[in-house]
N, C-alpha and C. Protein backbone atom coordinates (compact mmCIF):
# COMPACT_ATOMS: atom_id res chain seq x y z
N ASN A 1 -14.18 16.24 12.47
CA ASN A 1 -12.98 15.69 11.57
C ASN A 1 -12.53 14.02 11.07
N LEU A 2 -13.18 13.55 10.19
CA LEU A 2 -13.07 12.05 9.85
C LEU A 2 -11.84 12.01 10.37
N TRP A 3 -10.52 12.69 9.67
CA TRP A 3 -8.79 11.88 9.45
C TRP A 3 -8.30 12.90 10.61
N SER A 4 -7.31 12.17 11.17
CA SER A 4 -6.77 12.54 12.19
C SER A 4 -5.34 12.81 11.92
N LYS A 5 -4.49 14.08 11.96
CA LYS A 5 -3.82 14.99 11.49
C LYS A 5 -2.06 14.08 11.11
N GLU A 6 -2.31 13.16 11.93
CA GLU A 6 -1.42 11.96 12.50
C GLU A 6 -1.74 11.06 10.49
N GLU A 7 -3.03 10.49 10.44
CA GLU A 7 -3.02 9.60 9.21
C GLU A 7 -3.56 10.30 8.04
N LEU A 8 -3.02 11.60 8.06
CA LEU A 8 -3.01 12.07 7.10
C LEU A 8 -1.30 12.34 6.66
N GLN A 9 -0.88 13.02 7.93
CA GLN A 9 0.22 12.76 7.52
C GLN A 9 1.36 11.63 7.20
N ASP A 10 0.93 10.52 7.57
CA ASP A 10 1.23 9.26 7.37
C ASP A 10 0.69 8.91 5.89
N LEU A 11 -0.12 9.22 5.28
CA LEU A 11 -0.55 8.79 3.50
C LEU A 11 0.24 9.44 3.03
N GLU A 12 0.28 10.99 3.40
CA GLU A 12 1.26 11.54 2.36
C GLU A 12 2.69 11.06 2.68
N LYS A 13 3.38 10.77 3.71
CA LYS A 13 4.68 10.35 3.58
C LYS A 13 4.78 8.92 2.96
N PHE A 14 3.74 8.11 2.70
CA PHE A 14 3.88 6.82 2.21
C PHE A 14 4.02 6.65 0.70
N PHE A 15 3.01 8.19 0.45
CA PHE A 15 3.09 8.23 -1.06
C PHE A 15 4.05 9.05 -1.73
N GLU A 16 4.76 9.79 -1.05
CA GLU A 16 6.38 10.05 -1.19
C GLU A 16 7.17 9.17 -1.36
N LEU A 17 7.20 8.73 0.03
CA LEU A 17 8.38 7.09 -0.34
C LEU A 17 8.10 5.80 -1.38
N LYS A 18 6.48 5.70 -1.84
CA LYS A 18 6.47 4.29 -2.09
C LYS A 18 5.47 4.80 -3.36
N VAL A 19 5.46 5.92 -3.85
CA VAL A 19 4.45 6.29 -4.77
C VAL A 19 5.22 7.10 -5.92
N VAL A 20 5.58 8.08 -5.62
CA VAL A 20 5.95 9.14 -6.84
C VAL A 20 7.89 9.16 -6.43
N CYS A 21 8.71 8.18 -5.92
CA CYS A 21 10.06 7.99 -6.42
C CYS A 21 10.59 7.31 -7.18
N TYR A 22 12.08 7.81 -7.40
CA TYR A 22 12.48 6.47 -8.37
C TYR A 22 12.40 5.36 -7.72
N PRO A 23 11.71 4.19 -8.98
CA PRO A 23 11.70 3.93 -10.04
C PRO A 23 10.02 4.16 -10.02
N TYR A 24 9.94 5.21 -11.41
CA TYR A 24 8.41 6.18 -11.59
C TYR A 24 7.98 4.62 -12.27
N LYS A 25 6.86 4.78 -11.66
CA LYS A 25 5.77 3.16 -12.31
C LYS A 25 4.89 3.78 -12.06
N LEU A 26 3.83 3.26 -13.21
CA LEU A 26 2.55 4.14 -13.31
C LEU A 26 1.66 2.86 -12.28
N ASN A 27 1.82 1.59 -12.10
CA ASN A 27 1.37 0.48 -11.28
C ASN A 27 1.31 0.64 -10.21
N ASN A 28 2.40 1.85 -9.57
CA ASN A 28 2.67 1.91 -8.18
C ASN A 28 1.18 2.82 -7.88
N MET A 29 1.29 4.07 -9.05
CA MET A 29 0.36 5.20 -8.97
C MET A 29 -0.92 4.06 -8.42
N THR A 30 -1.65 3.64 -9.99
CA THR A 30 -2.73 2.52 -9.57
C THR A 30 -3.01 2.38 -8.28
N SER A 31 -2.10 0.80 -7.99
CA SER A 31 -2.70 0.51 -6.79
C SER A 31 -2.52 1.63 -5.67
N PHE A 32 -1.77 2.47 -4.72
CA PHE A 32 -2.12 3.51 -4.70
C PHE A 32 -3.51 4.45 -4.39
N LEU A 33 -4.10 4.69 -5.99
CA LEU A 33 -5.28 5.48 -6.86
C LEU A 33 -6.15 4.06 -5.53
N LYS A 34 -6.28 3.44 -5.77
CA LYS A 34 -7.07 1.66 -5.65
C LYS A 34 -7.34 1.75 -3.77
N ILE A 35 -5.75 2.24 -3.41
CA ILE A 35 -6.25 1.87 -1.24
C ILE A 35 -7.25 3.19 -1.40
N ILE A 36 -6.62 4.63 -1.86
CA ILE A 36 -7.60 5.44 -1.28
C ILE A 36 -8.44 5.80 -1.79
N SER A 37 -9.43 4.67 -2.83
CA SER A 37 -10.60 5.03 -3.52
C SER A 37 -11.72 4.13 -2.79
N ALA A 38 -11.03 3.17 -1.85
CA ALA A 38 -11.63 2.12 -0.97
C ALA A 38 -12.61 2.67 0.49
N GLU A 39 -13.53 2.24 0.91
CA GLU A 39 -14.56 2.37 1.66
C GLU A 39 -13.80 2.98 3.17
N GLN A 40 -14.88 4.20 3.51
CA GLN A 40 -13.58 5.04 4.71
C GLN A 40 -12.99 3.70 5.77
N MET A 41 -13.71 2.68 6.16
CA MET A 41 -13.03 1.59 7.08
C MET A 41 -11.82 1.20 6.85
N ILE A 42 -11.75 0.61 5.04
CA ILE A 42 -10.75 0.08 4.71
C ILE A 42 -9.66 0.56 4.48
N LEU A 43 -9.79 2.31 4.09
CA LEU A 43 -8.25 2.75 4.19
C LEU A 43 -8.07 3.49 5.59
N LYS A 44 -8.86 3.33 6.75
CA LYS A 44 -8.28 3.82 7.61
C LYS A 44 -7.01 2.22 8.07
N ASP A 45 -7.47 1.44 7.98
CA ASP A 45 -6.96 0.40 7.99
C ASP A 45 -5.52 -0.07 7.07
N PHE A 46 -6.14 0.12 5.88
CA PHE A 46 -4.80 0.85 4.92
C PHE A 46 -3.55 1.46 5.67
N ILE A 47 -4.09 3.00 6.25
CA ILE A 47 -3.28 4.04 6.56
C ILE A 47 -2.56 2.85 8.15
N GLN A 48 -3.23 2.29 8.85
CA GLN A 48 -3.02 1.58 9.90
C GLN A 48 -1.32 0.36 9.30
N ILE A 49 -1.83 0.05 8.28
CA ILE A 49 -0.38 -0.57 7.59
C ILE A 49 0.27 0.22 7.25
N MET A 50 0.24 1.10 6.44
CA MET A 50 1.27 2.30 6.22
C MET A 50 2.26 2.67 7.38
N ARG A 51 1.56 2.72 8.83
CA ARG A 51 1.48 3.36 9.82
C ARG A 51 2.86 2.32 10.40
N LEU A 52 2.64 0.97 10.30
CA LEU A 52 4.16 -0.04 10.85
C LEU A 52 4.72 0.19 9.80
N GLU A 53 4.90 0.06 8.85
CA GLU A 53 5.79 0.19 7.72
C GLU A 53 6.44 1.34 8.08
N LEU A 54 6.14 2.79 7.90
CA LEU A 54 6.66 3.66 8.31
C LEU A 54 7.18 4.29 9.53
N HIS A 55 6.77 3.50 10.08
CA HIS A 55 7.10 3.35 11.77
C HIS A 55 7.95 2.27 12.16
N ASN A 56 9.14 2.08 11.56
CA ASN A 56 8.76 0.57 12.48
C ASN A 56 9.49 0.96 13.47
N ASP A 57 9.01 -0.21 14.98
CA ASP A 57 9.44 -0.55 15.75
C ASP A 57 10.46 -1.65 16.06
N PRO A 58 11.60 -0.86 16.26
CA PRO A 58 13.21 -2.56 16.30
C PRO A 58 12.65 -3.30 17.23
N SER A 59 12.02 -3.36 18.20
CA SER A 59 11.42 -4.86 19.08
C SER A 59 10.86 -5.17 18.84
N HIS A 60 10.68 -5.34 17.38
CA HIS A 60 9.07 -6.33 17.12
C HIS A 60 10.41 -7.56 15.98
N ARG A 61 9.46 -8.31 15.87
CA ARG A 61 10.93 -9.28 15.38
C ARG A 61 10.18 -9.48 13.81
N TRP A 62 9.88 -8.30 13.00
CA TRP A 62 8.83 -8.28 12.53
C TRP A 62 8.86 -6.90 11.68
N ASN A 63 8.83 -7.01 10.16
CA ASN A 63 8.69 -5.67 9.81
C ASN A 63 7.74 -5.46 8.53
N VAL A 64 6.84 -4.57 8.44
CA VAL A 64 6.18 -4.50 7.29
C VAL A 64 6.82 -4.28 5.87
N GLU A 65 6.75 -4.33 5.47
CA GLU A 65 7.13 -3.47 3.68
C GLU A 65 5.81 -4.38 2.67
N TRP A 66 4.70 -3.32 2.32
CA TRP A 66 3.62 -3.32 1.35
C TRP A 66 4.75 -3.35 0.16
N CYS A 67 4.44 -4.26 -1.06
CA CYS A 67 4.65 -4.35 -2.16
C CYS A 67 3.47 -3.73 -2.51
N LEU A 68 3.80 -2.69 -3.86
CA LEU A 68 2.55 -2.02 -4.46
C LEU A 68 2.18 -2.69 -5.80
N THR A 69 3.75 -3.78 -6.42
CA THR A 69 3.65 -4.19 -7.90
C THR A 69 3.78 -5.80 -7.04
N VAL A 70 3.28 -6.41 -8.08
CA VAL A 70 3.54 -8.26 -7.58
C VAL A 70 4.62 -8.51 -7.80
N PRO A 71 5.40 -8.99 -6.76
CA PRO A 71 6.66 -9.45 -6.21
C PRO A 71 6.83 -10.06 -7.58
N PRO A 72 8.63 -9.90 -7.75
CA PRO A 72 8.87 -11.63 -8.82
C PRO A 72 9.28 -12.68 -7.44
N GLY A 73 8.97 -13.43 -7.99
CA GLY A 73 9.54 -14.81 -7.36
C GLY A 73 8.38 -16.37 -6.87
N ASP A 74 7.37 -16.23 -7.91
CA ASP A 74 6.03 -16.97 -7.51
C ASP A 74 6.08 -17.70 -8.83
N GLN A 75 6.79 -18.69 -9.23
CA GLN A 75 7.01 -18.87 -10.90
C GLN A 75 5.85 -19.23 -11.47
N ARG A 76 4.41 -19.29 -10.76
CA ARG A 76 2.87 -19.66 -11.00
C ARG A 76 2.56 -18.56 -11.56
N ARG A 77 3.12 -17.85 -11.16
CA ARG A 77 2.50 -16.11 -11.72
C ARG A 77 3.07 -15.06 -12.35
N LYS A 78 4.35 -15.49 -12.85
CA LYS A 78 4.75 -14.82 -14.04
C LYS A 78 4.27 -13.95 -14.53
N GLN A 79 2.74 -14.26 -15.04
CA GLN A 79 3.02 -13.30 -15.78
C GLN A 79 2.34 -11.97 -15.06
N LEU A 80 1.93 -12.03 -14.39
CA LEU A 80 1.18 -10.73 -13.49
C LEU A 80 2.40 -10.00 -12.62
N LEU A 81 3.86 -10.94 -13.04
CA LEU A 81 4.67 -9.60 -12.50
C LEU A 81 4.95 -8.21 -12.89
N GLY A 82 4.37 -7.50 -11.88
CA GLY A 82 5.00 -5.66 -12.05
C GLY A 82 3.56 -5.59 -12.20
N THR A 83 2.09 -6.25 -11.86
CA THR A 83 1.07 -5.42 -12.57
C THR A 83 0.65 -5.28 -10.56
N PRO A 84 -0.21 -4.09 -10.75
CA PRO A 84 -0.69 -3.58 -9.48
C PRO A 84 -1.20 -4.70 -8.48
N ALA A 85 -0.43 -4.93 -7.09
CA ALA A 85 -0.84 -5.10 -5.85
C ALA A 85 -2.11 -5.43 -5.43
N VAL A 86 -3.08 -4.60 -5.85
CA VAL A 86 -4.25 -4.23 -4.62
C VAL A 86 -5.17 -4.60 -6.01
N VAL A 87 -5.95 -5.32 -5.58
CA VAL A 87 -7.34 -5.55 -5.96
C VAL A 87 -8.14 -5.31 -5.21
N ALA A 88 -9.48 -4.54 -6.22
CA ALA A 88 -11.26 -4.11 -5.10
C ALA A 88 -11.91 -3.98 -5.96
N GLU A 89 -12.91 -5.10 -5.21
CA GLU A 89 -14.03 -5.83 -6.01
C GLU A 89 -15.06 -5.73 -5.26
N ASN A 90 -16.42 -4.90 -5.74
CA ASN A 90 -17.25 -4.55 -4.14
C ASN A 90 -16.79 -4.19 -2.99
N ASN A 91 -16.92 -4.90 -1.97
CA ASN A 91 -16.80 -4.48 -0.63
C ASN A 91 -16.00 -5.79 -0.56
N LYS A 92 -14.80 -5.61 -0.87
CA LYS A 92 -13.87 -6.68 -0.90
C LYS A 92 -11.93 -6.44 -1.18
N VAL A 93 -11.45 -6.98 -0.66
CA VAL A 93 -10.06 -6.12 -1.38
C VAL A 93 -8.62 -7.61 -1.08
N LEU A 94 -8.14 -7.24 -2.30
CA LEU A 94 -7.20 -8.39 -1.77
C LEU A 94 -5.76 -7.31 -1.81
N PHE A 95 -4.62 -7.88 -1.41
CA PHE A 95 -3.34 -7.06 -1.46
C PHE A 95 -2.29 -7.74 -0.79
N PHE A 96 -1.27 -7.94 -1.82
CA PHE A 96 0.56 -8.02 -1.60
C PHE A 96 0.74 -7.87 -0.29
């Protein structure tokens, strides 16, 4: 079996909390589809990042929050605001 039960549960929970929740945005779904279509090793790394967000450790001085769309704030990228924040080209992936 390639995937552990915990990995699949974390992927499902992330999907429910970040993709198919209000406000419903097509770009969130687009980013998620790009994530799950990545190579297996990359997807496993993505799931580890999701796990850090879903299972927050209060002893850490930082928290992970994965934004599936380009967030506001950077005026230089104003035209990208709200677009999918995951870009996959060949075997490289860029995400916010």
